Amino acid sequence: MAPVSANLNIMHRKVLELSSCSYIELNMANKKCDYSNEEDRRIILKEFRKVVKDILQPHHDDDFLLRWLKARDFDIIKSEKMIRESFKFRKKIGADTILTSAYEVPK
């Protein structure tokens, strides 16, 4: 997993041109953009997928990624931090292997 900071520089230099505002304007000035525009959402989703591609599995579809973006108001940097922390926690507690690992009943 690449650290969040490795992708931050890329995102800060890149301006996503959206119909309602640019991503950099939103990020730097804490402005709110209207993300009801489907084209804007598609552009942000595409960029988010690029940023977290190193941790994604084949079954992680657009709906899966949209959950993270919606939770952080379509802020790519905050969404990336959130998804990486979640994956790290799931790995730590073994959530993804719970059904395949042998369970021993305590005596």
C-alpha atoms as a PDB file:
ATOM      1  CA  MET A   1       0.000   0.000   0.000  1.00  0.00           C
ATOM      2  CA  ALA A   2       1.422   3.358  -0.975  1.00  0.00           C
ATOM      3  CA  PRO A   3       1.225   5.975   1.757  1.00  0.00           C
ATOM      4  CA  VAL A   4      -1.334   8.722   1.392  1.00  0.00           C
ATOM      5  CA  SER A   5       1.404  11.350   1.241  1.00  0.00           C
ATOM      6  CA  ALA A   6       2.859   9.775  -1.910  1.00  0.00           C
ATOM      7  CA  ASN A   7      -0.325  10.564  -3.791  1.00  0.00           C
ATOM      8  CA  LEU A   8      -0.996  13.975  -2.232  1.00  0.00           C
ATOM      9  CA  ASN A   9       1.593  15.795  -4.313  1.00  0.00           C
ATOM     10  CA  ILE A  10       0.098  14.416  -7.494  1.00  0.00           C
ATOM     11  CA  MET A  11      -3.390  15.511  -6.526  1.00  0.00           C
ATOM     12  CA  HIS A  12      -2.349  18.994  -5.406  1.00  0.00           C
ATOM     13  CA  ARG A  13      -0.658  19.680  -8.729  1.00  0.00           C
ATOM     14  CA  LYS A  14      -3.486  18.400 -10.852  1.00  0.00           C
ATOM     15  CA  VAL A  15      -6.570  20.533 -11.389  1.00  0.00           C
ATOM     16  CA  LEU A  16      -9.708  18.624 -12.215  1.00  0.00           C
ATOM     17  CA  GLU A  17     -11.887  20.786 -14.385  1.00  0.00           C
ATOM     18  CA  LEU A  18     -15.450  20.340 -13.219  1.00  0.00           C
ATOM     19  CA  SER A  19     -18.498  22.204 -14.424  1.00  0.00           C
ATOM     20  CA  SER A  20     -19.241  23.649 -10.976  1.00  0.00           C
ATOM     21  CA  CYS A  21     -15.669  24.394  -9.777  1.00  0.00           C
ATOM     22  CA  SER A  22     -12.170  22.981  -9.916  1.00  0.00           C
ATOM     23  CA  TYR A  23     -11.002  20.342  -7.454  1.00  0.00           C
ATOM     24  CA  ILE A  24      -8.094  22.530  -6.355  1.00  0.00           C
ATOM     25  CA  GLU A  25     -10.427  25.445  -5.631  1.00  0.00           C
ATOM     26  CA  LEU A  26     -12.582  23.144  -3.563  1.00  0.00           C
ATOM     27  CA  ASN A  27      -9.657  21.643  -1.689  1.00  0.00           C
ATOM     28  CA  MET A  28      -7.764  24.835  -0.951  1.00  0.00           C
ATOM     29  CA  ALA A  29     -10.688  27.102  -0.075  1.00  0.00           C
ATOM     30  CA  ASN A  30     -13.008  24.501   1.477  1.00  0.00           C
ATOM     31  CA  LYS A  31     -15.685  25.480  -0.996  1.00  0.00           C
ATOM     32  CA  LYS A  32     -18.664  23.296  -1.661  1.00  0.00           C
ATOM     33  CA  CYS A  33     -19.258  22.114  -5.194  1.00  0.00           C
ATOM     34  CA  ASP A  34     -22.469  20.770  -6.619  1.00  0.00           C
ATOM     35  CA  TYR A  35     -21.718  17.085  -7.138  1.00  0.00           C
ATOM     36  CA  SER A  36     -25.154  16.314  -8.470  1.00  0.00           C
ATOM     37  CA  ASN A  37     -23.599  16.786 -11.915  1.00  0.00           C
ATOM     38  CA  GLU A  38     -23.008  13.265 -13.194  1.00  0.00           C
ATOM     39  CA  GLU A  39     -20.017  14.283 -15.330  1.00  0.00           C
ATOM     40  CA  ASP A  40     -18.240  15.853 -12.334  1.00  0.00           C
ATOM     41  CA  ARG A  41     -18.847  12.736 -10.263  1.00  0.00           C
ATOM     42  CA  ARG A  42     -17.492  10.534 -13.053  1.00  0.00           C
ATOM     43  CA  ILE A  43     -14.287  12.606 -13.304  1.00  0.00           C
ATOM     44  CA  ILE A  44     -13.705  12.508  -9.540  1.00  0.00           C
ATOM     45  CA  LEU A  45     -14.433   8.773  -9.411  1.00  0.00           C
ATOM     46  CA  LYS A  46     -11.920   8.146 -12.207  1.00  0.00           C
ATOM     47  CA  GLU A  47      -9.218  10.111 -10.372  1.00  0.00           C
ATOM     48  CA  PHE A  48     -10.017   8.378  -7.075  1.00  0.00           C
ATOM     49  CA  ARG A  49      -9.711   4.976  -8.743  1.00  0.00           C
ATOM     50  CA  LYS A  50      -6.218   5.947 -10.017  1.00  0.00           C
ATOM     51  CA  VAL A  51      -5.110   7.071  -6.555  1.00  0.00           C
ATOM     52  CA  VAL A  52      -6.184   3.860  -4.771  1.00  0.00           C
ATOM     53  CA  LYS A  53      -5.568   1.345  -7.566  1.00  0.00           C
ATOM     54  CA  ASP A  54      -2.797  -0.345  -5.567  1.00  0.00           C
ATOM     55  CA  ILE A  55      -5.251  -1.580  -2.903  1.00  0.00           C
ATOM     56  CA  LEU A  56      -8.283  -2.379  -5.054  1.00  0.00           C
ATOM     57  CA  GLN A  57      -9.482  -5.907  -5.769  1.00  0.00           C
ATOM     58  CA  PRO A  58     -11.335  -6.948  -8.954  1.00  0.00           C
ATOM     59  CA  HIS A  59     -14.664  -6.978  -7.111  1.00  0.00           C
ATOM     60  CA  HIS A  60     -14.339  -3.317  -6.054  1.00  0.00           C
ATOM     61  CA  ASP A  61     -16.677  -1.595  -8.484  1.00  0.00           C
ATOM     62  CA  ASP A  62     -17.729   2.039  -8.896  1.00  0.00           C
ATOM     63  CA  ASP A  63     -20.458   1.716  -6.259  1.00  0.00           C
ATOM     64  CA  PHE A  64     -17.860   0.558  -3.729  1.00  0.00           C
ATOM     65  CA  LEU A  65     -15.640   3.568  -4.453  1.00  0.00           C
ATOM     66  CA  LEU A  66     -18.569   5.990  -4.445  1.00  0.00           C
ATOM     67  CA  ARG A  67     -19.321   5.049  -0.834  1.00  0.00           C
ATOM     68  CA  TRP A  68     -15.946   6.419   0.227  1.00  0.00           C
ATOM     69  CA  LEU A  69     -16.281   9.556  -1.875  1.00  0.00           C
ATOM     70  CA  LYS A  70     -19.790  10.295  -0.592  1.00  0.00           C
ATOM     71  CA  ALA A  71     -18.647   9.821   2.999  1.00  0.00           C
ATOM     72  CA  ARG A  72     -16.052  12.564   2.538  1.00  0.00           C
ATOM     73  CA  ASP A  73     -18.072  14.916   0.318  1.00  0.00           C
ATOM     74  CA  PHE A  74     -16.166  13.857  -2.806  1.00  0.00           C
ATOM     75  CA  ASP A  75     -12.823  15.016  -1.404  1.00  0.00           C
ATOM     76  CA  ILE A  76     -10.329  12.627  -3.004  1.00  0.00           C
ATOM     77  CA  ILE A  77      -7.593  13.111  -0.414  1.00  0.00           C
ATOM     78  CA  LYS A  78      -9.874  12.553   2.581  1.00  0.00           C
ATOM     79  CA  SER A  79     -11.532   9.601   0.850  1.00  0.00           C
ATOM     80  CA  GLU A  80      -8.162   8.019   0.135  1.00  0.00           C
ATOM     81  CA  LYS A  81      -7.090   8.384   3.747  1.00  0.00           C
ATOM     82  CA  MET A  82     -10.354   6.852   4.933  1.00  0.00           C
ATOM     83  CA  ILE A  83     -10.252   3.838   2.597  1.00  0.00           C
ATOM     84  CA  ARG A  84      -6.590   3.101   3.379  1.00  0.00           C
ATOM     85  CA  GLU A  85      -7.230   3.253   7.128  1.00  0.00           C
ATOM     86  CA  SER A  86     -10.230   0.951   6.714  1.00  0.00           C
ATOM     87  CA  PHE A  87      -8.242  -1.596   4.705  1.00  0.00           C
ATOM     88  CA  LYS A  88      -5.441  -1.476   7.286  1.00  0.00           C
ATOM     89  CA  PHE A  89      -7.932  -2.083  10.118  1.00  0.00           C
ATOM     90  CA  ARG A  90      -9.643  -4.947   8.265  1.00  0.00           C
ATOM     91  CA  LYS A  91      -6.262  -6.588   7.695  1.00  0.00           C
ATOM     92  CA  LYS A  92      -5.297  -6.149  11.353  1.00  0.00           C
ATOM     93  CA  ILE A  93      -8.443  -7.862  12.670  1.00  0.00           C
ATOM     94  CA  GLY A  94      -8.565 -10.459   9.883  1.00  0.00           C
ATOM     95  CA  ALA A  95     -11.997  -9.424   8.641  1.00  0.00           C
ATOM     96  CA  ASP A  96     -11.383 -10.643   5.097  1.00  0.00           C
ATOM     97  CA  THR A  97     -10.251 -14.114   6.148  1.00  0.00           C
ATOM     98  CA  ILE A  98     -12.767 -14.809   8.898  1.00  0.00           C
ATOM     99  CA  LEU A  99     -14.858 -17.169   6.758  1.00  0.00           C
ATOM    100  CA  THR A 100     -11.893 -19.105   5.388  1.00  0.00           C
ATOM    101  CA  SER A 101      -9.823 -19.520   8.544  1.00  0.00           C
ATOM    102  CA  ALA A 102     -10.328 -22.367  10.977  1.00  0.00           C
ATOM    103  CA  TYR A 103     -12.151 -21.430  14.147  1.00  0.00           C
ATOM    104  CA  GLU A 104     -11.539 -23.246  17.381  1.00  0.00           C
ATOM    105  CA  VAL A 105     -14.240 -23.136  20.010  1.00  0.00           C
ATOM    106  CA  PRO A 106     -12.831 -21.929  23.333  1.00  0.00           C
ATOM    107  CA  LYS A 107     -12.947 -24.564  26.115  1.00  0.00           C
END
